[in-house]
Amino acid sequence: MAVLQPDQVLDLCGTPCPLNFIRCRLALESLAPGQCLQVDLDPGEPEEMVVPGLRRDGHGVTVERLGPDRVRLLVICSGE
């Protein structure tokens, strides 16, 4: 199984809502369709706000738990 290498990485741990979602959307605007954005977030409200918002925008989102204090998202840019 191939490991997906991100084209861009954002560490948004400690970033409040809705700023983390806005930063994700801005980063995705610079990517081409099919490219990957890696986002590290705090669990809880940031994850609950960002993941559904990105999916509503049409992006593919995979969530990986890195421990009790960190969640990693791999977001495939839809180009929309």
PDB file of N, CA and C in Angstrom:
ATOM      1  N   MET A   1       0.840  -1.190   0.000  1.00  0.00           N
ATOM      2  CA  MET A   1       0.000   0.000   0.000  1.00  0.00           C
ATOM      3  C   MET A   1       0.881   1.249   0.000  1.00  0.00           C
ATOM      4  N   ALA A   2       0.667   2.148  -0.930  1.00  0.00           N
ATOM      5  CA  ALA A   2       1.468   3.361  -1.045  1.00  0.00           C
ATOM      6  C   ALA A   2       1.078   4.360   0.041  1.00  0.00           C
ATOM      7  N   VAL A   3       2.086   5.046   0.554  1.00  0.00           N
ATOM      8  CA  VAL A   3       1.850   6.075   1.556  1.00  0.00           C
ATOM      9  C   VAL A   3       1.659   7.397   0.816  1.00  0.00           C
ATOM     10  N   LEU A   4       0.584   8.082   1.139  1.00  0.00           N
ATOM     11  CA  LEU A   4       0.267   9.354   0.502  1.00  0.00           C
ATOM     12  C   LEU A   4       1.185  10.442   1.054  1.00  0.00           C
ATOM     13  N   GLN A   5       1.914  11.100   0.183  1.00  0.00           N
ATOM     14  CA  GLN A   5       2.802  12.188   0.582  1.00  0.00           C
ATOM     15  C   GLN A   5       2.080  13.519   0.375  1.00  0.00           C
ATOM     16  N   PRO A   6       1.983  14.329   1.420  1.00  0.00           N
ATOM     17  CA  PRO A   6       1.282  15.608   1.272  1.00  0.00           C
ATOM     18  C   PRO A   6       2.069  16.586   0.404  1.00  0.00           C
ATOM     19  N   ASP A   7       1.335  17.391  -0.335  1.00  0.00           N
ATOM     20  CA  ASP A   7       1.932  18.455  -1.135  1.00  0.00           C
ATOM     21  C   ASP A   7       2.118  19.722  -0.308  1.00  0.00           C
ATOM     22  N   GLN A   8       1.354  19.825   0.772  1.00  0.00           N
ATOM     23  CA  GLN A   8       1.454  20.964   1.683  1.00  0.00           C
ATOM     24  C   GLN A   8       1.062  20.484   3.073  1.00  0.00           C
ATOM     25  N   VAL A   9       1.677  21.079   4.114  1.00  0.00           N
ATOM     26  CA  VAL A   9       1.424  20.676   5.500  1.00  0.00           C
ATOM     27  C   VAL A   9       1.059  21.912   6.316  1.00  0.00           C
ATOM     28  N   LEU A  10      -0.011  21.783   7.117  1.00  0.00           N
ATOM     29  CA  LEU A  10      -0.414  22.836   8.056  1.00  0.00           C
ATOM     30  C   LEU A  10      -0.473  22.251   9.456  1.00  0.00           C
ATOM     31  N   ASP A  11       0.170  22.904  10.410  1.00  0.00           N
ATOM     32  CA  ASP A  11       0.029  22.522  11.815  1.00  0.00           C
ATOM     33  C   ASP A  11      -0.855  23.584  12.459  1.00  0.00           C
ATOM     34  N   LEU A  12      -2.119  23.226  12.691  1.00  0.00           N
ATOM     35  CA  LEU A  12      -3.082  24.172  13.252  1.00  0.00           C
ATOM     36  C   LEU A  12      -3.445  23.834  14.694  1.00  0.00           C
ATOM     37  N   CYS A  13      -2.620  23.045  15.357  1.00  0.00           N
ATOM     38  CA  CYS A  13      -2.874  22.750  16.770  1.00  0.00           C
ATOM     39  C   CYS A  13      -2.806  24.056  17.553  1.00  0.00           C
ATOM     40  N   GLY A  14      -3.795  24.278  18.391  1.00  0.00           N
ATOM     41  CA  GLY A  14      -3.870  25.503  19.173  1.00  0.00           C
ATOM     42  C   GLY A  14      -4.550  26.653  18.447  1.00  0.00           C
ATOM     43  N   THR A  15      -4.931  26.450  17.198  1.00  0.00           N
ATOM     44  CA  THR A  15      -5.607  27.494  16.422  1.00  0.00           C
ATOM     45  C   THR A  15      -7.110  27.422  16.686  1.00  0.00           C
ATOM     46  N   PRO A  16      -7.730  28.541  17.062  1.00  0.00           N
ATOM     47  CA  PRO A  16      -9.161  28.510  17.390  1.00  0.00           C
ATOM     48  C   PRO A  16     -10.052  28.429  16.149  1.00  0.00           C
ATOM     49  N   CYS A  17     -11.279  27.971  16.370  1.00  0.00           N
ATOM     50  CA  CYS A  17     -12.311  27.974  15.330  1.00  0.00           C
ATOM     51  C   CYS A  17     -12.837  29.400  15.215  1.00  0.00           C
ATOM     52  N   PRO A  18     -13.220  29.861  14.075  1.00  0.00           N
ATOM     53  CA  PRO A  18     -13.217  29.217  12.765  1.00  0.00           C
ATOM     54  C   PRO A  18     -11.929  29.455  11.982  1.00  0.00           C
ATOM     55  N   LEU A  19     -10.905  30.030  12.633  1.00  0.00           N
ATOM     56  CA  LEU A  19      -9.668  30.361  11.931  1.00  0.00           C
ATOM     57  C   LEU A  19      -9.008  29.136  11.307  1.00  0.00           C
ATOM     58  N   ASN A  20      -9.085  27.986  11.987  1.00  0.00           N
ATOM     59  CA  ASN A  20      -8.456  26.782  11.428  1.00  0.00           C
ATOM     60  C   ASN A  20      -9.136  26.364  10.115  1.00  0.00           C
ATOM     61  N   PHE A  21     -10.449  26.449  10.049  1.00  0.00           N
ATOM     62  CA  PHE A  21     -11.170  26.105   8.820  1.00  0.00           C
ATOM     63  C   PHE A  21     -10.813  27.078   7.696  1.00  0.00           C
ATOM     64  N   ILE A  22     -10.737  28.347   8.017  1.00  0.00           N
ATOM     65  CA  ILE A  22     -10.396  29.369   7.022  1.00  0.00           C
ATOM     66  C   ILE A  22      -8.994  29.121   6.472  1.00  0.00           C
ATOM     67  N   ARG A  23      -8.047  28.800   7.340  1.00  0.00           N
ATOM     68  CA  ARG A  23      -6.675  28.530   6.885  1.00  0.00           C
ATOM     69  C   ARG A  23      -6.615  27.292   5.993  1.00  0.00           C
ATOM     70  N   CYS A  24      -7.417  26.283   6.315  1.00  0.00           N
ATOM     71  CA  CYS A  24      -7.481  25.087   5.461  1.00  0.00           C
ATOM     72  C   CYS A  24      -7.992  25.454   4.073  1.00  0.00           C
ATOM     73  N   ARG A  25      -9.057  26.219   4.026  1.00  0.00           N
ATOM     74  CA  ARG A  25      -9.639  26.601   2.727  1.00  0.00           C
ATOM     75  C   ARG A  25      -8.663  27.436   1.905  1.00  0.00           C
ATOM     76  N   LEU A  26      -7.952  28.351   2.554  1.00  0.00           N
ATOM     77  CA  LEU A  26      -6.968  29.163   1.839  1.00  0.00           C
ATOM     78  C   LEU A  26      -5.835  28.298   1.296  1.00  0.00           C
ATOM     79  N   ALA A  27      -5.375  27.338   2.086  1.00  0.00           N
ATOM     80  CA  ALA A  27      -4.308  26.438   1.630  1.00  0.00           C
ATOM     81  C   ALA A  27      -4.777  25.604   0.450  1.00  0.00           C
ATOM     82  N   LEU A  28      -6.010  25.132   0.492  1.00  0.00           N
ATOM     83  CA  LEU A  28      -6.543  24.311  -0.597  1.00  0.00           C
ATOM     84  C   LEU A  28      -6.679  25.102  -1.894  1.00  0.00           C
ATOM     85  N   GLU A  29      -6.894  26.408  -1.793  1.00  0.00           N
ATOM     86  CA  GLU A  29      -6.995  27.245  -2.991  1.00  0.00           C
ATOM     87  C   GLU A  29      -5.696  27.251  -3.791  1.00  0.00           C
ATOM     88  N   SER A  30      -4.565  27.006  -3.118  1.00  0.00           N
ATOM     89  CA  SER A  30      -3.268  27.023  -3.808  1.00  0.00           C
ATOM     90  C   SER A  30      -2.895  25.660  -4.388  1.00  0.00           C
ATOM     91  N   LEU A  31      -3.712  24.633  -4.132  1.00  0.00           N
ATOM     92  CA  LEU A  31      -3.422  23.287  -4.616  1.00  0.00           C
ATOM     93  C   LEU A  31      -4.232  22.968  -5.866  1.00  0.00           C
ATOM     94  N   ALA A  32      -3.681  22.097  -6.679  1.00  0.00           N
ATOM     95  CA  ALA A  32      -4.380  21.618  -7.874  1.00  0.00           C
ATOM     96  C   ALA A  32      -5.280  20.450  -7.490  1.00  0.00           C
ATOM     97  N   PRO A  33      -6.314  20.183  -8.268  1.00  0.00           N
ATOM     98  CA  PRO A  33      -7.162  19.021  -7.993  1.00  0.00           C
ATOM     99  C   PRO A  33      -6.318  17.744  -7.897  1.00  0.00           C
ATOM    100  N   GLY A  34      -6.605  16.960  -6.861  1.00  0.00           N
ATOM    101  CA  GLY A  34      -5.890  15.709  -6.641  1.00  0.00           C
ATOM    102  C   GLY A  34      -4.687  15.829  -5.730  1.00  0.00           C
ATOM    103  N   GLN A  35      -4.229  17.059  -5.463  1.00  0.00           N
ATOM    104  CA  GLN A  35      -3.108  17.222  -4.543  1.00  0.00           C
ATOM    105  C   GLN A  35      -3.591  17.046  -3.107  1.00  0.00           C
ATOM    106  N   CYS A  36      -2.621  16.776  -2.208  1.00  0.00           N
ATOM    107  CA  CYS A  36      -2.943  16.439  -0.821  1.00  0.00           C
ATOM    108  C   CYS A  36      -2.453  17.505   0.146  1.00  0.00           C
ATOM    109  N   LEU A  37      -3.343  17.895   1.054  1.00  0.00           N
ATOM    110  CA  LEU A  37      -3.025  18.807   2.148  1.00  0.00           C
ATOM    111  C   LEU A  37      -3.072  18.015   3.443  1.00  0.00           C
ATOM    112  N   GLN A  38      -1.985  18.056   4.213  1.00  0.00           N
ATOM    113  CA  GLN A  38      -1.968  17.431   5.542  1.00  0.00           C
ATOM    114  C   GLN A  38      -2.227  18.522   6.571  1.00  0.00           C
ATOM    115  N   VAL A  39      -3.191  18.283   7.460  1.00  0.00           N
ATOM    116  CA  VAL A  39      -3.550  19.254   8.491  1.00  0.00           C
ATOM    117  C   VAL A  39      -3.530  18.558   9.843  1.00  0.00           C
ATOM    118  N   ASP A  40      -2.754  19.096  10.785  1.00  0.00           N
ATOM    119  CA  ASP A  40      -2.773  18.606  12.157  1.00  0.00           C
ATOM    120  C   ASP A  40      -3.626  19.562  12.981  1.00  0.00           C
ATOM    121  N   LEU A  41      -4.579  18.981  13.720  1.00  0.00           N
ATOM    122  CA  LEU A  41      -5.561  19.752  14.494  1.00  0.00           C
ATOM    123  C   LEU A  41      -5.675  19.217  15.909  1.00  0.00           C
ATOM    124  N   ASP A  42      -6.255  20.042  16.762  1.00  0.00           N
ATOM    125  CA  ASP A  42      -6.678  19.563  18.075  1.00  0.00           C
ATOM    126  C   ASP A  42      -7.954  18.751  17.887  1.00  0.00           C
ATOM    127  N   PRO A  43      -8.144  17.703  18.705  1.00  0.00           N
ATOM    128  CA  PRO A  43      -9.420  16.983  18.651  1.00  0.00           C
ATOM    129  C   PRO A  43     -10.535  17.845  19.250  1.00  0.00           C
ATOM    130  N   GLY A  44     -11.755  17.387  19.112  1.00  0.00           N
ATOM    131  CA  GLY A  44     -12.894  18.120  19.672  1.00  0.00           C
ATOM    132  C   GLY A  44     -13.458  19.098  18.668  1.00  0.00           C
ATOM    133  N   GLU A  45     -13.753  20.320  19.128  1.00  0.00           N
ATOM    134  CA  GLU A  45     -14.420  21.303  18.274  1.00  0.00           C
ATOM    135  C   GLU A  45     -13.689  21.580  16.961  1.00  0.00           C
ATOM    136  N   PRO A  46     -12.357  21.760  16.956  1.00  0.00           N
ATOM    137  CA  PRO A  46     -11.701  21.993  15.663  1.00  0.00           C
ATOM    138  C   PRO A  46     -11.962  20.870  14.662  1.00  0.00           C
ATOM    139  N   GLU A  47     -11.814  19.638  15.100  1.00  0.00           N
ATOM    140  CA  GLU A  47     -12.076  18.490  14.224  1.00  0.00           C
ATOM    141  C   GLU A  47     -13.539  18.460  13.787  1.00  0.00           C
ATOM    142  N   GLU A  48     -14.443  18.721  14.726  1.00  0.00           N
ATOM    143  CA  GLU A  48     -15.879  18.667  14.442  1.00  0.00           C
ATOM    144  C   GLU A  48     -16.321  19.764  13.473  1.00  0.00           C
ATOM    145  N   MET A  49     -15.589  20.860  13.422  1.00  0.00           N
ATOM    146  CA  MET A  49     -15.931  21.962  12.515  1.00  0.00           C
ATOM    147  C   MET A  49     -15.250  21.811  11.152  1.00  0.00           C
ATOM    148  N   VAL A  50     -13.979  21.431  11.156  1.00  0.00           N
ATOM    149  CA  VAL A  50     -13.188  21.420   9.926  1.00  0.00           C
ATOM    150  C   VAL A  50     -13.558  20.254   9.012  1.00  0.00           C
ATOM    151  N   VAL A  51     -13.638  19.038   9.558  1.00  0.00           N
ATOM    152  CA  VAL A  51     -13.875  17.854   8.717  1.00  0.00           C
ATOM    153  C   VAL A  51     -15.184  17.969   7.929  1.00  0.00           C
ATOM    154  N   PRO A  52     -16.327  18.230   8.578  1.00  0.00           N
ATOM    155  CA  PRO A  52     -17.570  18.338   7.793  1.00  0.00           C
ATOM    156  C   PRO A  52     -17.551  19.503   6.804  1.00  0.00           C
ATOM    157  N   GLY A  53     -16.921  20.606   7.186  1.00  0.00           N
ATOM    158  CA  GLY A  53     -16.855  21.757   6.290  1.00  0.00           C
ATOM    159  C   GLY A  53     -16.080  21.456   5.020  1.00  0.00           C
ATOM    160  N   LEU A  54     -14.953  20.766   5.162  1.00  0.00           N
ATOM    161  CA  LEU A  54     -14.159  20.410   3.986  1.00  0.00           C
ATOM    162  C   LEU A  54     -14.896  19.403   3.115  1.00  0.00           C
ATOM    163  N   ARG A  55     -15.573  18.465   3.748  1.00  0.00           N
ATOM    164  CA  ARG A  55     -16.348  17.480   2.973  1.00  0.00           C
ATOM    165  C   ARG A  55     -17.502  18.155   2.236  1.00  0.00           C
ATOM    166  N   ARG A  56     -18.151  19.128   2.872  1.00  0.00           N
ATOM    167  CA  ARG A  56     -19.226  19.884   2.203  1.00  0.00           C
ATOM    168  C   ARG A  56     -18.695  20.622   0.975  1.00  0.00           C
ATOM    169  N   ASP A  57     -17.445  21.041   1.055  1.00  0.00           N
ATOM    170  CA  ASP A  57     -16.813  21.733  -0.072  1.00  0.00           C
ATOM    171  C   ASP A  57     -16.387  20.768  -1.174  1.00  0.00           C
ATOM    172  N   GLY A  58     -16.572  19.458  -0.947  1.00  0.00           N
ATOM    173  CA  GLY A  58     -16.283  18.469  -1.977  1.00  0.00           C
ATOM    174  C   GLY A  58     -14.922  17.803  -1.899  1.00  0.00           C
ATOM    175  N   HIS A  59     -14.137  18.113  -0.867  1.00  0.00           N
ATOM    176  CA  HIS A  59     -12.807  17.528  -0.726  1.00  0.00           C
ATOM    177  C   HIS A  59     -12.897  16.160  -0.057  1.00  0.00           C
ATOM    178  N   GLY A  60     -11.980  15.282  -0.404  1.00  0.00           N
ATOM    179  CA  GLY A  60     -11.879  13.990   0.269  1.00  0.00           C
ATOM    180  C   GLY A  60     -11.077  14.160   1.545  1.00  0.00           C
ATOM    181  N   VAL A  61     -11.580  13.648   2.671  1.00  0.00           N
ATOM    182  CA  VAL A  61     -10.907  13.825   3.961  1.00  0.00           C
ATOM    183  C   VAL A  61     -10.745  12.477   4.647  1.00  0.00           C
ATOM    184  N   THR A  62      -9.502  12.165   5.030  1.00  0.00           N
ATOM    185  CA  THR A  62      -9.199  10.992   5.839  1.00  0.00           C
ATOM    186  C   THR A  62      -8.705  11.486   7.186  1.00  0.00           C
ATOM    187  N   VAL A  63      -9.213  10.900   8.274  1.00  0.00           N
ATOM    188  CA  VAL A  63      -8.861  11.319   9.632  1.00  0.00           C
ATOM    189  C   VAL A  63      -8.013  10.239  10.281  1.00  0.00           C
ATOM    190  N   GLU A  64      -6.892  10.658  10.872  1.00  0.00           N
ATOM    191  CA  GLU A  64      -6.005   9.745  11.590  1.00  0.00           C
ATOM    192  C   GLU A  64      -5.772  10.300  12.992  1.00  0.00           C
ATOM    193  N   ARG A  65      -5.994   9.482  14.000  1.00  0.00           N
ATOM    194  CA  ARG A  65      -5.754   9.894  15.389  1.00  0.00           C
ATOM    195  C   ARG A  65      -4.279   9.670  15.709  1.00  0.00           C
ATOM    196  N   LEU A  66      -3.602  10.719  16.142  1.00  0.00           N
ATOM    197  CA  LEU A  66      -2.186  10.618  16.480  1.00  0.00           C
ATOM    198  C   LEU A  66      -1.969  10.535  17.979  1.00  0.00           C
ATOM    199  N   GLY A  67      -3.029  10.456  18.733  1.00  0.00           N
ATOM    200  CA  GLY A  67      -2.960  10.428  20.191  1.00  0.00           C
ATOM    201  C   GLY A  67      -4.100  11.245  20.746  1.00  0.00           C
ATOM    202  N   PRO A  68      -4.124  11.422  22.051  1.00  0.00           N
ATOM    203  CA  PRO A  68      -5.251  12.136  22.660  1.00  0.00           C
ATOM    204  C   PRO A  68      -5.277  13.636  22.360  1.00  0.00           C
ATOM    205  N   ASP A  69      -4.145  14.196  21.912  1.00  0.00           N
ATOM    206  CA  ASP A  69      -4.058  15.644  21.734  1.00  0.00           C
ATOM    207  C   ASP A  69      -3.895  16.098  20.292  1.00  0.00           C
ATOM    208  N   ARG A  70      -3.966  15.152  19.333  1.00  0.00           N
ATOM    209  CA  ARG A  70      -3.697  15.549  17.949  1.00  0.00           C
ATOM    210  C   ARG A  70      -4.441  14.647  16.971  1.00  0.00           C
ATOM    211  N   VAL A  71      -4.992  15.287  15.952  1.00  0.00           N
ATOM    212  CA  VAL A  71      -5.675  14.597  14.861  1.00  0.00           C
ATOM    213  C   VAL A  71      -5.013  15.054  13.563  1.00  0.00           C
ATOM    214  N   ARG A  72      -4.767  14.113  12.655  1.00  0.00           N
ATOM    215  CA  ARG A  72      -4.191  14.462  11.350  1.00  0.00           C
ATOM    216  C   ARG A  72      -5.228  14.213  10.266  1.00  0.00           C
ATOM    217  N   LEU A  73      -5.423  15.220   9.439  1.00  0.00           N
ATOM    218  CA  LEU A  73      -6.309  15.098   8.286  1.00  0.00           C
ATOM    219  C   LEU A  73      -5.461  15.037   7.028  1.00  0.00           C
ATOM    220  N   LEU A  74      -5.816  14.143   6.139  1.00  0.00           N
ATOM    221  CA  LEU A  74      -5.263  14.139   4.788  1.00  0.00           C
ATOM    222  C   LEU A  74      -6.407  14.528   3.871  1.00  0.00           C
ATOM    223  N   VAL A  75      -6.266  15.672   3.242  1.00  0.00           N
ATOM    224  CA  VAL A  75      -7.339  16.256   2.443  1.00  0.00           C
ATOM    225  C   VAL A  75      -6.923  16.231   0.975  1.00  0.00           C
ATOM    226  N   ILE A  76      -7.724  15.578   0.156  1.00  0.00           N
ATOM    227  CA  ILE A  76      -7.486  15.554  -1.285  1.00  0.00           C
ATOM    228  C   ILE A  76      -8.303  16.684  -1.910  1.00  0.00           C
ATOM    229  N   CYS A  77      -7.601  17.604  -2.533  1.00  0.00           N
ATOM    230  CA  CYS A  77      -8.235  18.789  -3.107  1.00  0.00           C
ATOM    231  C   CYS A  77      -9.145  18.412  -4.276  1.00  0.00           C
ATOM    232  N   SER A  78     -10.363  18.906  -4.221  1.00  0.00           N
ATOM    233  CA  SER A  78     -11.334  18.625  -5.283  1.00  0.00           C
ATOM    234  C   SER A  78     -11.210  19.604  -6.442  1.00  0.00           C
ATOM    235  N   GLY A  79     -10.572  20.731  -6.181  1.00  0.00           N
ATOM    236  CA  GLY A  79     -10.447  21.747  -7.217  1.00  0.00           C
ATOM    237  C   GLY A  79     -11.634  22.679  -7.305  1.00  0.00           C
ATOM    238  N   GLU A  80     -12.605  22.534  -6.417  1.00  0.00           N
ATOM    239  CA  GLU A  80     -13.797  23.395  -6.439  1.00  0.00           C
ATOM    240  C   GLU A  80     -13.571  24.650  -5.638  1.00  0.00           C
TER     241      GLU A  80
END
